[in-house]
Structures are given as structure tokens and as C-alpha cells.
PDB file of N, CA and C in Angstrom:
ATOM      1  N   MET A   1     106.203  36.284   9.962  1.00  0.00           N
ATOM      2  CA  MET A   1     104.826  35.953  10.286  1.00  0.00           C
ATOM      3  C   MET A   1     103.840  36.880   9.594  1.00  0.00           C
ATOM      4  N   ALA A   2     104.189  38.132   9.482  1.00  0.00           N
ATOM      5  CA  ALA A   2     103.281  39.083   8.855  1.00  0.00           C
ATOM      6  C   ALA A   2     102.992  38.688   7.407  1.00  0.00           C
ATOM      7  N   ALA A   3     104.009  38.182   6.726  1.00  0.00           N
ATOM      8  CA  ALA A   3     103.813  37.768   5.337  1.00  0.00           C
ATOM      9  C   ALA A   3     102.842  36.595   5.248  1.00  0.00           C
ATOM     10  N   LYS A   4     102.922  35.690   6.217  1.00  0.00           N
ATOM     11  CA  LYS A   4     102.004  34.556   6.222  1.00  0.00           C
ATOM     12  C   LYS A   4     100.564  35.014   6.384  1.00  0.00           C
ATOM     13  N   LYS A   5     100.350  35.954   7.295  1.00  0.00           N
ATOM     14  CA  LYS A   5      99.001  36.449   7.542  1.00  0.00           C
ATOM     15  C   LYS A   5      98.451  37.143   6.300  1.00  0.00           C
ATOM     16  N   LYS A   6      99.267  37.929   5.633  1.00  0.00           N
ATOM     17  CA  LYS A   6      98.835  38.620   4.424  1.00  0.00           C
ATOM     18  C   LYS A   6      98.477  37.611   3.331  1.00  0.00           C
ATOM     19  N   ALA A   7      99.235  36.579   3.197  1.00  0.00           N
ATOM     20  CA  ALA A   7      98.963  35.573   2.174  1.00  0.00           C
ATOM     21  C   ALA A   7      97.604  34.918   2.397  1.00  0.00           C
ATOM     22  N   SER A   8      97.263  34.619   3.637  1.00  0.00           N
ATOM     23  CA  SER A   8      95.970  33.990   3.903  1.00  0.00           C
ATOM     24  C   SER A   8      94.822  34.972   3.707  1.00  0.00           C
ATOM     25  N   SER A   9      95.058  36.260   3.974  1.00  0.00           N
ATOM     26  CA  SER A   9      93.991  37.246   3.786  1.00  0.00           C
ATOM     27  C   SER A   9      93.757  37.536   2.303  1.00  0.00           C
ATOM     28  N   ASP A  10      94.750  37.273   1.461  1.00  0.00           N
ATOM     29  CA  ASP A  10      94.585  37.467   0.023  1.00  0.00           C
ATOM     30  C   ASP A  10      93.690  36.393  -0.594  1.00  0.00           C
ATOM     31  N   LYS A  11      93.457  35.317   0.101  1.00  0.00           N
ATOM     32  CA  LYS A  11      92.694  34.195  -0.445  1.00  0.00           C
ATOM     33  C   LYS A  11      91.185  34.321  -0.232  1.00  0.00           C
ATOM     34  N   TRP A  12      90.720  35.456   0.272  1.00  0.00           N
ATOM     35  CA  TRP A  12      89.285  35.614   0.474  1.00  0.00           C
ATOM     36  C   TRP A  12      88.538  35.599  -0.858  1.00  0.00           C
ATOM     37  N   ILE A  13      89.234  35.928  -1.919  1.00  0.00           N
ATOM     38  CA  ILE A  13      88.597  35.987  -3.230  1.00  0.00           C
ATOM     39  C   ILE A  13      88.114  34.605  -3.663  1.00  0.00           C
ATOM     40  N   GLN A  14      88.897  33.557  -3.377  1.00  0.00           N
ATOM     41  CA  GLN A  14      88.478  32.206  -3.759  1.00  0.00           C
ATOM     42  C   GLN A  14      87.148  31.841  -3.108  1.00  0.00           C
ATOM     43  N   GLY A  15      86.935  32.265  -1.877  1.00  0.00           N
ATOM     44  CA  GLY A  15      85.678  31.978  -1.190  1.00  0.00           C
ATOM     45  C   GLY A  15      84.548  32.884  -1.627  1.00  0.00           C
ATOM     46  N   ALA A  16      84.877  34.077  -2.113  1.00  0.00           N
ATOM     47  CA  ALA A  16      83.857  35.047  -2.493  1.00  0.00           C
ATOM     48  C   ALA A  16      83.233  34.730  -3.853  1.00  0.00           C
ATOM     49  N   ILE A  17      84.003  34.133  -4.733  1.00  0.00           N
ATOM     50  CA  ILE A  17      83.505  33.845  -6.086  1.00  0.00           C
ATOM     51  C   ILE A  17      82.926  32.434  -6.100  1.00  0.00           C
ATOM     52  N   LYS A  18      81.606  32.365  -6.059  1.00  0.00           N
ATOM     53  CA  LYS A  18      80.908  31.071  -6.019  1.00  0.00           C
ATOM     54  C   LYS A  18      80.649  30.501  -7.414  1.00  0.00           C
ATOM     55  N   ARG A  19      80.344  31.383  -8.361  1.00  0.00           N
ATOM     56  CA  ARG A  19      80.015  30.940  -9.721  1.00  0.00           C
ATOM     57  C   ARG A  19      80.844  31.735 -10.729  1.00  0.00           C
ATOM     58  N   PRO A  20      82.081  31.315 -10.966  1.00  0.00           N
ATOM     59  CA  PRO A  20      82.950  32.061 -11.882  1.00  0.00           C
ATOM     60  C   PRO A  20      82.338  32.196 -13.279  1.00  0.00           C
ATOM     61  N   GLY A  21      82.324  33.414 -13.781  1.00  0.00           N
ATOM     62  CA  GLY A  21      81.818  33.661 -15.126  1.00  0.00           C
ATOM     63  C   GLY A  21      80.328  33.891 -15.234  1.00  0.00           C
ATOM     64  N   ALA A  22      79.580  33.699 -14.153  1.00  0.00           N
ATOM     65  CA  ALA A  22      78.125  33.829 -14.218  1.00  0.00           C
ATOM     66  C   ALA A  22      77.699  35.279 -14.472  1.00  0.00           C
ATOM     67  N   PHE A  23      78.332  36.218 -13.799  1.00  0.00           N
ATOM     68  CA  PHE A  23      77.961  37.627 -13.984  1.00  0.00           C
ATOM     69  C   PHE A  23      78.377  38.112 -15.367  1.00  0.00           C
ATOM     70  N   THR A  24      79.513  37.653 -15.846  1.00  0.00           N
ATOM     71  CA  THR A  24      79.972  38.002 -17.190  1.00  0.00           C
ATOM     72  C   THR A  24      78.976  37.485 -18.226  1.00  0.00           C
ATOM     73  N   ALA A  25      78.489  36.280 -18.021  1.00  0.00           N
ATOM     74  CA  ALA A  25      77.502  35.706 -18.941  1.00  0.00           C
ATOM     75  C   ALA A  25      76.206  36.511 -18.929  1.00  0.00           C
ATOM     76  N   LYS A  26      75.765  36.925 -17.747  1.00  0.00           N
ATOM     77  CA  LYS A  26      74.553  37.758 -17.657  1.00  0.00           C
ATOM     78  C   LYS A  26      74.754  39.079 -18.389  1.00  0.00           C
ATOM     79  N   ALA A  27      75.931  39.663 -18.224  1.00  0.00           N
ATOM     80  CA  ALA A  27      76.225  40.940 -18.875  1.00  0.00           C
ATOM     81  C   ALA A  27      76.229  40.795 -20.393  1.00  0.00           C
ATOM     82  N   LYS A  28      76.874  39.751 -20.884  1.00  0.00           N
ATOM     83  CA  LYS A  28      76.924  39.532 -22.334  1.00  0.00           C
ATOM     84  C   LYS A  28      75.540  39.265 -22.896  1.00  0.00           C
ATOM     85  N   LYS A  29      74.721  38.525 -22.152  1.00  0.00           N
ATOM     86  CA  LYS A  29      73.356  38.236 -22.599  1.00  0.00           C
ATOM     87  C   LYS A  29      72.539  39.516 -22.698  1.00  0.00           C
ATOM     88  N   ALA A  30      72.823  40.460 -21.780  1.00  0.00           N
ATOM     89  CA  ALA A  30      72.124  41.745 -21.796  1.00  0.00           C
ATOM     90  C   ALA A  30      72.750  42.726 -22.785  1.00  0.00           C
ATOM     91  N   GLY A  31      73.855  42.322 -23.420  1.00  0.00           N
ATOM     92  CA  GLY A  31      74.511  43.181 -24.402  1.00  0.00           C
ATOM     93  C   GLY A  31      75.337  44.286 -23.769  1.00  0.00           C
ATOM     94  N   LYS A  32      75.865  44.031 -22.569  1.00  0.00           N
ATOM     95  CA  LYS A  32      76.644  45.034 -21.848  1.00  0.00           C
ATOM     96  C   LYS A  32      77.980  44.448 -21.426  1.00  0.00           C
ATOM     97  N   SER A  33      78.885  45.345 -21.069  1.00  0.00           N
ATOM     98  CA  SER A  33      80.147  44.899 -20.485  1.00  0.00           C
ATOM     99  C   SER A  33      79.889  44.590 -19.010  1.00  0.00           C
ATOM    100  N   VAL A  34      80.862  43.992 -18.348  1.00  0.00           N
ATOM    101  CA  VAL A  34      80.706  43.685 -16.921  1.00  0.00           C
ATOM    102  C   VAL A  34      80.536  44.983 -16.133  1.00  0.00           C
ATOM    103  N   ALA A  35      81.352  45.981 -16.443  1.00  0.00           N
ATOM    104  CA  ALA A  35      81.258  47.266 -15.748  1.00  0.00           C
ATOM    105  C   ALA A  35      79.912  47.945 -16.030  1.00  0.00           C
ATOM    106  N   GLY A  36      79.451  47.857 -17.263  1.00  0.00           N
ATOM    107  CA  GLY A  36      78.166  48.452 -17.618  1.00  0.00           C
ATOM    108  C   GLY A  36      77.005  47.769 -16.926  1.00  0.00           C
ATOM    109  N   MET A  37      77.081  46.463 -16.837  1.00  0.00           N
ATOM    110  CA  MET A  37      76.033  45.704 -16.153  1.00  0.00           C
ATOM    111  C   MET A  37      76.039  46.025 -14.656  1.00  0.00           C
ATOM    112  N   ALA A  38      77.231  46.099 -14.058  1.00  0.00           N
ATOM    113  CA  ALA A  38      77.328  46.421 -12.634  1.00  0.00           C
ATOM    114  C   ALA A  38      76.754  47.804 -12.363  1.00  0.00           C
ATOM    115  N   SER A  39      77.002  48.731 -13.263  1.00  0.00           N
ATOM    116  CA  SER A  39      76.465  50.080 -13.125  1.00  0.00           C
ATOM    117  C   SER A  39      74.938  50.081 -13.251  1.00  0.00           C
ATOM    118  N   ALA A  40      74.421  49.321 -14.205  1.00  0.00           N
ATOM    119  CA  ALA A  40      72.972  49.241 -14.401  1.00  0.00           C
ATOM    120  C   ALA A  40      72.285  48.624 -13.191  1.00  0.00           C
ATOM    121  N   VAL A  41      72.903  47.614 -12.618  1.00  0.00           N
ATOM    122  CA  VAL A  41      72.331  46.962 -11.436  1.00  0.00           C
ATOM    123  C   VAL A  41      72.330  47.929 -10.257  1.00  0.00           C
ATOM    124  N   SER A  42      73.387  48.719 -10.122  1.00  0.00           N
ATOM    125  CA  SER A  42      73.471  49.681  -9.022  1.00  0.00           C
ATOM    126  C   SER A  42      72.413  50.780  -9.154  1.00  0.00           C
ATOM    127  N   LYS A  43      72.126  51.174 -10.381  1.00  0.00           N
ATOM    128  CA  LYS A  43      71.152  52.240 -10.613  1.00  0.00           C
ATOM    129  C   LYS A  43      69.709  51.780 -10.404  1.00  0.00           C
ATOM    130  N   ASN A  44      69.420  50.511 -10.728  1.00  0.00           N
ATOM    131  CA  ASN A  44      68.063  49.973 -10.597  1.00  0.00           C
ATOM    132  C   ASN A  44      68.089  48.627  -9.872  1.00  0.00           C
ATOM    133  N   PRO A  45      68.438  48.604  -8.595  1.00  0.00           N
ATOM    134  CA  PRO A  45      68.578  47.316  -7.898  1.00  0.00           C
ATOM    135  C   PRO A  45      67.271  46.533  -7.778  1.00  0.00           C
ATOM    136  N   GLU A  46      66.142  47.216  -7.798  1.00  0.00           N
ATOM    137  CA  GLU A  46      64.862  46.521  -7.640  1.00  0.00           C
ATOM    138  C   GLU A  46      64.506  45.672  -8.866  1.00  0.00           C
ATOM    139  N   ARG A  47      65.140  45.943  -9.992  1.00  0.00           N
ATOM    140  CA  ARG A  47      64.878  45.183 -11.220  1.00  0.00           C
ATOM    141  C   ARG A  47      65.629  43.859 -11.277  1.00  0.00           C
ATOM    142  N   TYR A  48      66.590  43.670 -10.366  1.00  0.00           N
ATOM    143  CA  TYR A  48      67.455  42.490 -10.426  1.00  0.00           C
ATOM    144  C   TYR A  48      67.321  41.647  -9.159  1.00  0.00           C
ATOM    145  N   SER A  49      67.679  40.388  -9.280  1.00  0.00           N
ATOM    146  CA  SER A  49      67.598  39.464  -8.145  1.00  0.00           C
ATOM    147  C   SER A  49      68.689  39.788  -7.116  1.00  0.00           C
ATOM    148  N   PRO A  50      68.495  39.335  -5.887  1.00  0.00           N
ATOM    149  CA  PRO A  50      69.523  39.564  -4.861  1.00  0.00           C
ATOM    150  C   PRO A  50      70.887  38.979  -5.255  1.00  0.00           C
ATOM    151  N   LEU A  51      70.889  37.843  -5.938  1.00  0.00           N
ATOM    152  CA  LEU A  51      72.143  37.230  -6.377  1.00  0.00           C
ATOM    153  C   LEU A  51      72.865  38.138  -7.374  1.00  0.00           C
ATOM    154  N   THR A  52      72.132  38.689  -8.323  1.00  0.00           N
ATOM    155  CA  THR A  52      72.726  39.574  -9.315  1.00  0.00           C
ATOM    156  C   THR A  52      73.267  40.841  -8.657  1.00  0.00           C
ATOM    157  N   ARG A  53      72.557  41.354  -7.660  1.00  0.00           N
ATOM    158  CA  ARG A  53      73.029  42.543  -6.943  1.00  0.00           C
ATOM    159  C   ARG A  53      74.330  42.252  -6.211  1.00  0.00           C
ATOM    160  N   LYS A  54      74.442  41.075  -5.607  1.00  0.00           N
ATOM    161  CA  LYS A  54      75.678  40.691  -4.918  1.00  0.00           C
ATOM    162  C   LYS A  54      76.818  40.523  -5.917  1.00  0.00           C
ATOM    163  N   GLN A  55      76.514  39.922  -7.059  1.00  0.00           N
ATOM    164  CA  GLN A  55      77.540  39.730  -8.081  1.00  0.00           C
ATOM    165  C   GLN A  55      78.034  41.074  -8.619  1.00  0.00           C
ATOM    166  N   ALA A  56      77.125  42.026  -8.790  1.00  0.00           N
ATOM    167  CA  ALA A  56      77.507  43.356  -9.272  1.00  0.00           C
ATOM    168  C   ALA A  56      78.392  44.059  -8.247  1.00  0.00           C
ATOM    169  N   SER A  57      78.040  43.916  -6.993  1.00  0.00           N
ATOM    170  CA  SER A  57      78.839  44.519  -5.927  1.00  0.00           C
ATOM    171  C   SER A  57      80.241  43.917  -5.898  1.00  0.00           C
ATOM    172  N   LEU A  58      80.333  42.606  -6.030  1.00  0.00           N
ATOM    173  CA  LEU A  58      81.635  41.942  -6.042  1.00  0.00           C
ATOM    174  C   LEU A  58      82.439  42.363  -7.270  1.00  0.00           C
ATOM    175  N   ALA A  59      81.789  42.502  -8.409  1.00  0.00           N
ATOM    176  CA  ALA A  59      82.485  42.923  -9.629  1.00  0.00           C
ATOM    177  C   ALA A  59      83.098  44.307  -9.436  1.00  0.00           C
ATOM    178  N   LYS A  60      82.366  45.207  -8.808  1.00  0.00           N
ATOM    179  CA  LYS A  60      82.885  46.551  -8.549  1.00  0.00           C
ATOM    180  C   LYS A  60      84.057  46.498  -7.572  1.00  0.00           C
ATOM    181  N   THR A  61      83.931  45.666  -6.542  1.00  0.00           N
ATOM    182  CA  THR A  61      85.004  45.522  -5.554  1.00  0.00           C
ATOM    183  C   THR A  61      86.265  44.982  -6.206  1.00  0.00           C
ATOM    184  N   LEU A  62      86.133  43.942  -7.011  1.00  0.00           N
ATOM    185  CA  LEU A  62      87.296  43.355  -7.674  1.00  0.00           C
ATOM    186  C   LEU A  62      87.935  44.341  -8.650  1.00  0.00           C
ATOM    187  N   ARG A  63      87.130  45.157  -9.279  1.00  0.00           N
ATOM    188  CA  ARG A  63      87.651  46.174 -10.192  1.00  0.00           C
ATOM    189  C   ARG A  63      88.493  47.197  -9.420  1.00  0.00           C
ATOM    190  N   LYS A  64      88.016  47.604  -8.252  1.00  0.00           N
ATOM    191  CA  LYS A  64      88.763  48.546  -7.421  1.00  0.00           C
ATOM    192  C   LYS A  64      90.093  47.943  -6.980  1.00  0.00           C
ATOM    193  N   ILE A  65      90.070  46.669  -6.622  1.00  0.00           N
ATOM    194  CA  ILE A  65      91.296  45.997  -6.179  1.00  0.00           C
ATOM    195  C   ILE A  65      92.311  45.954  -7.319  1.00  0.00           C
ATOM    196  N   SER A  66      91.841  45.633  -8.520  1.00  0.00           N
ATOM    197  CA  SER A  66      92.772  45.520  -9.649  1.00  0.00           C
ATOM    198  C   SER A  66      93.363  46.873 -10.014  1.00  0.00           C
ATOM    199  N   LYS A  67      92.629  47.952  -9.792  1.00  0.00           N
ATOM    200  CA  LYS A  67      93.157  49.295 -10.080  1.00  0.00           C
ATOM    201  C   LYS A  67      94.248  49.674  -9.090  1.00  0.00           C
ATOM    202  N   LYS A  68      94.141  49.199  -7.848  1.00  0.00           N
ATOM    203  CA  LYS A  68      95.133  49.540  -6.828  1.00  0.00           C
ATOM    204  C   LYS A  68      96.466  48.854  -7.075  1.00  0.00           C
ATOM    205  N   LYS A  69      96.438  47.674  -7.700  1.00  0.00           N
ATOM    206  CA  LYS A  69      97.682  46.918  -7.893  1.00  0.00           C
ATOM    207  C   LYS A  69      98.433  47.352  -9.107  1.00  0.00           C
TER     208      LYS A  69
END
């Protein structure tokens, strides 16, 4: 049973990513990498829309997850 519960909790990512590739496209348009764009958004959040701030936060979270695995 524990394995079943873990499998369902791993699927939160599908619900979290609403627009796949949108943040990457914004980063490329700005001439930055995804990590660089996420860092820039974190440093100056008032310059970016709430959606972009959420996308940057998710990008950082996903990066942390991939480093752990």
C-alpha cells in the first residue's frame, strides 16, 4: 500500500505544470537560461507578472527535485 500512495504523490507535477515550455520560452526570449531567468525573477519580483513569478518558483522547485534523484 505504501508504494501505491507514493506513486500517486509523485503525480503532483502533472497538475502543477499548466503551460509546458512557457517559462523556457520566456527565458530564451530574454536571452537567459531557465535557471538564469528564475534567478532574475527572484531578485526583482516586482518587475514580473504573478504568473512568471509562480513559474520561476516551480522551475526552482523542479530543479531541486532533479538534483535529489
